[in-house]
Protein backbone atom coordinates (compact mmCIF):
# COMPACT_ATOMS: atom_id res chain seq x y z
CA MET A 1 -2.57 17.18 -22.73
CA LYS A 2 -1.65 19.74 -25.40
CA SER A 3 0.09 16.85 -27.27
CA GLY A 4 -3.24 14.95 -27.44
CA ARG A 5 -1.95 12.24 -25.04
CA GLY A 6 -3.88 11.48 -21.83
CA ASP A 7 -2.21 12.53 -18.52
CA VAL A 8 -0.74 9.40 -17.15
CA GLU A 9 0.16 10.87 -13.64
CA PRO A 10 -1.37 8.86 -10.74
CA SER A 11 -3.81 11.00 -9.32
CA ALA A 12 -6.81 10.90 -6.73
CA TRP A 13 -8.98 12.46 -9.65
CA THR A 14 -9.69 9.16 -11.00
CA ALA A 15 -11.99 8.47 -8.21
CA PHE A 16 -14.57 10.94 -9.57
CA GLY A 17 -15.22 8.73 -12.58
CA LEU A 18 -15.16 5.55 -10.60
CA TRP A 19 -17.71 6.84 -8.25
CA ARG A 20 -20.03 7.82 -11.07
CA ARG A 21 -19.66 4.36 -12.58
CA VAL A 22 -18.58 5.55 -15.93
CA PHE A 23 -16.14 2.78 -16.46
CA ASP A 24 -16.79 -0.91 -17.08
CA ALA A 25 -16.21 -2.37 -13.45
CA SER A 26 -15.10 -5.78 -14.86
CA ARG A 27 -12.22 -4.19 -16.59
CA PRO A 28 -8.94 -5.07 -14.77
CA GLU A 29 -7.67 -1.46 -14.98
CA VAL A 30 -10.60 -0.49 -12.55
CA SER A 31 -9.52 -2.97 -9.98
CA SER A 32 -6.00 -1.90 -10.18
CA THR A 33 -6.83 1.82 -10.05
CA LEU A 34 -8.99 1.16 -6.83
CA ASP A 35 -5.88 -0.49 -5.38
CA GLU A 36 -3.81 2.78 -6.17
CA LEU A 37 -6.66 4.84 -4.51
CA ALA A 38 -6.33 2.88 -1.50
CA ALA A 39 -2.72 2.44 -1.35
CA SER A 40 0.24 4.44 0.11
CA GLY A 41 1.16 6.42 -2.89
CA ILE A 42 -2.15 8.35 -2.93
CA GLY A 43 -3.38 7.46 0.60
CA THR A 44 -2.24 8.79 4.07
CA GLU A 45 -3.97 8.41 7.50
CA TRP A 46 -5.58 11.78 6.97
CA GLY A 47 -6.81 11.47 3.35
CA THR A 48 -5.70 11.33 -0.16
CA ARG A 49 -2.81 13.13 -1.86
CA MET A 50 -4.07 14.88 -5.18
CA LEU A 51 -0.85 13.55 -6.78
CA SER A 52 0.90 10.36 -5.71
CA ARG A 53 4.09 10.69 -3.89
CA GLU A 54 5.46 8.05 -6.56
CA SER A 55 5.24 11.01 -9.10
CA ASP A 56 8.39 12.74 -10.09
CA ALA A 57 6.31 15.99 -9.83
CA TYR A 58 5.19 15.12 -6.25
CA GLU A 59 5.67 17.87 -3.74
CA PRO A 60 4.00 17.38 -0.30
CA GLN A 61 3.27 21.12 0.40
CA SER A 62 2.34 22.00 -3.13
CA TYR A 63 -1.35 22.86 -3.49
CA ASN A 64 -1.99 20.87 -6.71
CA ASN A 65 1.14 18.57 -6.75
CA GLY A 66 0.71 16.39 -3.55
CA ALA A 67 -1.29 18.10 -0.70
CA VAL A 68 -3.95 16.25 0.86
CA TRP A 69 -7.38 17.76 0.09
CA PRO A 70 -10.25 16.47 2.42
CA PHE A 71 -12.90 17.19 -0.33
CA LEU A 72 -10.81 14.99 -2.74
CA THR A 73 -10.71 12.39 -0.04
CA GLY A 74 -14.52 12.38 -0.21
CA PHE A 75 -14.51 11.23 -3.92
CA THR A 76 -11.98 8.53 -3.30
CA THR A 77 -14.20 7.41 -0.38
CA LEU A 78 -17.28 7.28 -2.69
CA ALA A 79 -15.44 5.45 -5.31
CA LEU A 80 -14.23 2.75 -2.87
CA TYR A 81 -17.76 2.36 -1.32
CA ALA A 82 -19.21 2.22 -4.99
CA HIS A 83 -17.04 -0.57 -5.93
CA HIS A 84 -17.69 -2.68 -2.68
CA ARG A 85 -14.45 -1.87 -0.92
CA PRO A 86 -15.87 -0.97 2.46
CA ASP A 87 -12.57 -1.60 4.43
CA ALA A 88 -10.57 0.52 2.30
CA ALA A 89 -13.28 3.23 2.21
CA TRP A 90 -13.66 3.34 5.96
CA GLN A 91 -10.02 4.21 6.49
CA TYR A 92 -10.75 7.56 4.59
CA LEU A 93 -14.08 8.34 5.93
CA ARG A 94 -12.80 7.84 9.60
CA ALA A 95 -9.77 10.04 8.75
CA ALA A 96 -12.36 12.79 7.39
CA ALA A 97 -14.12 12.61 10.79
CA ASP A 98 -10.74 12.81 12.59
CA LEU A 99 -9.68 16.07 11.05
CA ALA A 100 -12.34 18.05 12.80
CA PHE A 101 -10.41 17.25 15.95
CA ILE A 102 -6.75 17.47 14.94
CA GLU A 103 -6.34 21.30 15.10
CA THR A 104 -9.11 23.75 16.01
CA ARG A 105 -11.96 21.66 17.22
CA GLY A 106 -14.83 21.35 14.77
CA TYR A 107 -12.81 22.82 11.86
CA THR A 108 -11.68 21.12 8.90
CA PRO A 109 -8.91 22.95 7.15
CA GLU A 110 -8.64 23.26 3.27
CA VAL A 111 -5.51 21.53 2.72
CA PHE A 112 -2.90 19.34 4.55
CA SER A 113 0.74 18.32 3.96
CA GLY A 114 1.35 15.22 1.94
CA ASP A 115 3.96 13.99 4.22
CA ARG A 116 3.04 15.18 7.79
CA LEU A 117 -0.11 15.62 9.62
CA ARG A 118 -0.51 19.36 9.61
CA SER A 119 -2.46 21.78 7.65
CA LEU A 120 -0.52 24.06 5.17
CA ASP A 121 0.17 27.74 6.11
CA GLN A 122 -1.74 28.78 3.24
CA ALA A 123 -4.86 26.81 3.95
CA VAL A 124 -8.00 28.21 4.76
CA PRO A 125 -8.78 27.04 8.53
CA HIS A 126 -12.34 25.87 7.84
CA GLN A 127 -13.63 25.30 4.38
CA LEU A 128 -17.18 24.19 3.41
CA PHE A 129 -15.98 21.79 0.73
CA SER A 130 -13.52 20.02 3.08
CA THR A 131 -16.48 19.30 5.30
CA SER A 132 -18.54 18.21 2.23
CA GLY A 133 -15.98 15.35 1.71
CA PHE A 134 -16.93 13.74 4.94
CA VAL A 135 -20.72 14.44 4.63
CA SER A 136 -20.95 12.99 1.06
CA GLY A 137 -18.73 10.17 1.91
CA LEU A 138 -21.09 9.24 4.87
CA LEU A 139 -24.43 9.61 3.23
CA ARG A 140 -23.55 8.66 -0.43
CA GLY A 141 -20.79 6.19 0.53
CA LEU A 142 -21.26 4.40 3.74
CA ALA A 143 -25.07 4.75 3.80
CA GLY A 144 -25.24 4.35 0.09
CA LEU A 145 -27.88 6.85 -0.70
CA ARG A 146 -28.48 7.02 -4.46
CA GLU A 147 -31.32 8.54 -6.41
CA PRO A 148 -32.86 6.67 -9.22
CA SER A 149 -31.28 6.80 -12.69
CA SER A 150 -34.80 6.83 -14.32
CA ALA A 151 -37.21 9.77 -14.27
CA ASP A 152 -39.91 7.05 -13.63
CA PRO A 153 -41.94 8.31 -10.52
CA GLY A 154 -42.20 4.60 -9.48
CA ALA A 155 -38.41 4.18 -9.55
CA PRO A 156 -37.19 3.70 -5.88
CA LEU A 157 -34.58 5.81 -4.00
CA THR A 158 -31.83 3.33 -2.97
CA LEU A 159 -29.98 2.82 0.18
CA SER A 160 -27.02 0.38 0.19
CA PRO A 161 -25.42 0.61 3.62
CA GLN A 162 -21.91 -0.95 4.12
CA LEU A 163 -21.47 -0.80 8.05
CA PRO A 164 -17.98 -0.79 9.61
CA SER A 165 -17.34 -3.97 11.64
CA ARG A 166 -18.01 -2.34 15.00
CA TRP A 167 -21.30 -0.57 13.99
CA SER A 168 -24.35 -2.29 15.27
CA TRP A 169 -26.99 0.25 13.89
CA LEU A 170 -27.39 3.18 11.51
CA ARG A 171 -30.34 5.50 11.76
CA LEU A 172 -31.15 8.43 9.23
CA HIS A 173 -33.68 10.90 10.13
CA ARG A 174 -35.75 13.04 7.79
CA VAL A 175 -34.28 11.84 4.62
CA HIS A 176 -36.08 14.03 1.95
CA TRP A 177 -36.79 12.42 -1.51
CA ARG A 178 -39.28 14.36 -3.85
CA ASP A 179 -42.29 14.45 -1.44
CA ALA A 180 -41.37 11.69 0.69
CA ILE A 181 -39.76 12.08 4.15
CA TYR A 182 -38.11 8.88 5.60
CA ASP A 183 -36.95 7.93 8.84
CA ILE A 184 -34.71 4.66 8.35
CA SER A 185 -33.41 2.36 11.08
CA ILE A 186 -31.02 -0.54 10.52
CA VAL A 187 -29.94 -2.60 13.54
CA ARG A 188 -27.47 -5.41 13.27
CA ASP A 189 -26.95 -8.31 15.62
CA SER A 190 -25.18 -11.53 15.33
CA GLY A 191 -28.24 -13.09 13.47
CA GLY A 192 -28.88 -10.39 10.94
CA PHE A 193 -30.60 -7.20 10.37
CA ASP A 194 -33.70 -5.51 11.58
CA VAL A 195 -34.77 -2.86 8.99
CA SER A 196 -37.57 -0.32 9.76
CA VAL A 197 -38.78 2.50 7.43
CA SER A 198 -41.20 5.21 8.27
CA ASN A 199 -42.58 7.77 5.78
CA ALA A 200 -44.00 11.04 6.99
CA GLY A 201 -44.72 12.16 3.47
CA GLN A 202 -46.20 10.95 0.15
CA THR A 203 -45.80 7.24 -0.91
CA ARG A 204 -42.45 6.72 -2.67
CA PRO A 205 -40.76 3.27 -2.70
CA LEU A 206 -37.42 2.65 -1.11
CA LEU A 207 -34.92 -0.06 -2.01
CA VAL A 208 -32.58 -1.06 0.77
CA THR A 209 -29.61 -3.36 -0.06
CA LEU A 210 -27.53 -4.40 2.74
CA GLY A 211 -23.69 -4.74 2.19
CA LEU A 212 -22.49 -8.07 3.77
CA GLU A 213 -18.82 -8.67 4.72
CA PRO A 214 -16.85 -11.32 3.03
CA GLY A 215 -18.10 -14.82 3.77
CA ALA A 216 -21.59 -13.74 5.06
CA THR A 217 -24.58 -15.45 3.68
CA VAL A 218 -28.38 -14.54 3.69
CA GLU A 219 -30.27 -17.38 5.23
CA LYS A 220 -33.43 -16.84 3.39
CA GLY A 221 -34.31 -14.44 0.47
CA THR A 222 -31.91 -11.78 -0.48
CA ALA A 223 -30.08 -8.76 1.08
CA ALA A 224 -32.25 -6.42 -1.05
CA VAL A 225 -35.66 -5.42 0.40
CA ARG A 226 -38.04 -3.22 -1.31
CA PHE A 227 -40.38 -1.07 0.85
CA ALA A 228 -43.54 0.36 -0.50
CA GLY A 229 -42.73 3.75 1.24
CA ARG A 230 -46.39 4.23 2.33
CA THR A 231 -47.28 6.55 5.18
CA GLY A 232 -46.58 4.79 8.36
CA THR A 233 -43.82 2.25 9.30
CA GLU A 234 -42.82 -0.91 7.66
CA LYS A 235 -40.58 -3.37 9.12
CA THR A 236 -38.50 -6.52 8.15
CA ARG A 237 -36.02 -8.86 9.44
CA VAL A 238 -33.08 -10.16 7.29
CA SER A 239 -31.39 -13.16 8.69
CA VAL A 240 -27.87 -13.38 7.87
CA ARG A 241 -24.90 -15.74 8.98
CA PRO A 242 -22.02 -13.37 9.58
CA GLY A 243 -18.83 -13.27 7.64
CA ILE A 244 -15.31 -12.05 8.41
CA THR A 245 -14.33 -8.50 9.51
CA ILE A 246 -10.77 -7.04 9.89
CA ASP A 247 -9.88 -4.16 12.17
CA PRO A 248 -6.27 -2.86 12.33
CA VAL A 249 -4.91 -2.20 15.93
CA GLU A 250 -3.92 1.51 15.83
CA GLU A 251 -2.80 4.50 17.88
CA PRO A 252 -4.59 7.77 17.75
CA LEU A 253 -3.50 10.24 14.95
CA ARG A 254 -0.93 12.71 16.26
CA THR A 255 -0.14 16.14 14.55
CA GLY A 256 3.12 16.04 12.70
CA GLU A 257 3.26 12.32 12.33
CA ALA A 258 4.34 10.86 8.86
CA PRO A 259 2.02 8.20 7.29
CA GLN A 260 2.73 4.72 8.94
CA ARG A 261 -0.60 2.88 9.50
CA LEU A 262 -1.36 -0.35 7.89
CA ARG A 263 -3.30 0.15 4.60
CA ILE A 264 -6.15 -2.20 3.62
CA LEU A 265 -6.61 -2.40 -0.15
CA ARG A 266 -9.28 -4.97 -0.46
CA THR A 267 -10.77 -8.19 1.08
CA SER A 268 -12.42 -11.16 -0.34
CA PHE A 269 -13.62 -14.57 0.50
CA GLU A 270 -13.76 -17.37 -2.09
CA ALA A 271 -13.73 -21.23 -1.85
CA GLY A 272 -13.22 -20.91 2.06
CA ARG A 273 -10.18 -18.62 1.90
CA TYR A 274 -10.34 -14.97 3.18
CA VAL A 275 -7.64 -12.85 1.46
CA ALA A 276 -6.80 -9.20 2.60
CA ARG A 277 -4.41 -7.23 0.40
CA VAL A 278 -2.53 -4.95 2.77
CA GLN A 279 0.52 -2.57 2.82
CA GLY A 280 2.74 -1.76 5.54
CA LEU A 281 6.13 0.14 6.18
CA SER A 282 9.08 -2.03 5.89
CA GLY A 283 10.64 -3.00 9.32
CA ARG A 284 7.18 -2.68 11.25
CA THR A 285 5.02 -5.33 12.54
CA TYR A 286 1.23 -4.49 12.48
CA LYS A 287 -1.65 -6.37 14.29
CA VAL A 288 -5.13 -6.72 13.00
CA ARG A 289 -8.16 -8.31 14.86
CA LEU A 290 -10.62 -10.46 12.62
CA ARG A 291 -14.01 -11.63 13.58
CA MET A 292 -13.84 -15.01 12.35
CA PRO A 293 -17.00 -17.24 12.32
CA PHE A 294 -14.95 -20.12 10.67
CA ASP A 295 -12.41 -22.70 11.91
CA ILE A 296 -8.98 -21.72 10.71
CA THR A 297 -6.82 -24.21 8.93
CA GLY A 298 -3.89 -22.14 7.93
CA VAL A 299 -2.60 -18.62 7.76
CA GLU A 300 -0.14 -17.08 5.40
CA GLY A 301 1.37 -13.59 5.54
CA GLY A 302 0.85 -13.34 9.25
CA THR A 303 0.90 -15.12 12.53
CA ALA A 304 -1.94 -15.76 14.76
CA VAL A 305 -1.16 -14.67 18.23
CA ASP A 306 -4.47 -14.84 19.99
CA ASP A 307 -8.06 -16.41 19.45
CA HIS A 308 -10.61 -15.48 22.00
CA GLY A 309 -14.26 -15.75 21.38
CA GLY A 310 -14.20 -15.66 17.62
CA ILE A 311 -11.87 -12.71 17.57
CA VAL A 312 -8.56 -13.70 16.12
CA GLU A 313 -5.46 -11.47 16.55
CA ILE A 314 -2.83 -11.73 13.68
CA ALA A 315 0.69 -10.03 13.63
CA MET A 316 2.05 -9.24 10.23
CA ARG A 317 5.86 -8.30 9.75
CA PHE A 318 6.71 -6.45 6.58
CA GLU A 319 10.35 -6.77 5.14
CA GLY A 320 11.83 -4.58 2.56
CA ALA A 321 14.30 -1.55 1.97
CA ALA A 322 14.23 0.89 4.75
CA GLY A 323 11.26 3.44 4.61
CA GLU A 324 9.59 1.31 1.74
CA TRP A 325 5.91 0.50 1.68
CA VAL A 326 5.56 -3.23 1.06
CA SER A 327 2.34 -4.87 -0.35
CA LYS A 328 1.28 -8.45 0.52
CA ASP A 329 -1.60 -10.82 1.10
CA LEU A 330 -2.99 -12.00 4.32
CA SER A 331 -4.45 -15.32 3.48
CA ILE A 332 -6.50 -17.41 5.89
CA ALA A 333 -7.91 -21.02 4.95
CA THR A 334 -11.06 -21.91 6.80
CA SER A 335 -13.10 -24.99 7.14
CA ARG A 336 -16.49 -25.29 8.77
CA ARG A 337 -18.43 -22.59 10.18
CA ARG A 338 -18.51 -22.30 13.94
CA HIS A 339 -21.87 -23.04 15.52
CA ALA A 340 -21.75 -20.04 17.74
CA PHE A 341 -20.02 -16.77 17.56
């Protein structure tokens, strides 16, 4: 600022530096900022507001003071994936895909209202950098494509996929890196991953690091596999005991609606306890479905209403002042791993 002070307004722009990893990830400020990026102040079902609705300067139809920018949503998506928060990131990436079907089919408008799902009258109806928020979020975020930081020609291109819970495979065709041309296939089943890399160009190494959900464990070796990247095809199998996934039960997006979906800020599994930090609107009950490969010994923050074939449905009620977004933890204590899923 002109005064020499930093701008303290809560903004989605912090996501850019978090994505580029310019901050020490062990600092608590990084974790709390990632929470803010995923939470209801900045987040909506259709993307991130440039300025939080909790700011005194917030105006939902102002281009710079509260409207939702799809391209800025891309940076937020990348930041959350870069810091291993795929549940929060997936909410934004899926929203970016949905925007191409909300108004004119196949078009992603430049900017949306921060309060209602509708493009602003002054918005360009289809803008390239709005679409880029989805493309970069998919390839550099979910798929985790990242070029080497070293100029060493032997340094590998890296792929760090963090697949959504319902995805059983990811395939990337004709990924060009220098003079290599890769086809990459990752297929997931209940026992792990089959990874295949084909190179139609010159030999270049590729490092694939598989993102695992909370509670998942690799049975042998590690989740990181280095491929020589020689001409031809290389294959490997990574055996994994599955972890816990969470999926909110949601209705499709509808034009004109206000933000109301459950927001997932982060998830973790430590010492046999799964914790999901979530936000919901006061007065509402939300349901989530969890793939649960463990026996449950206790639930806090919700009520288990169904358990069928390892899929547990939990209802969560949020209480507070009318119209208020309320944060809480869904905490599930577990015991032994189930023999079959």
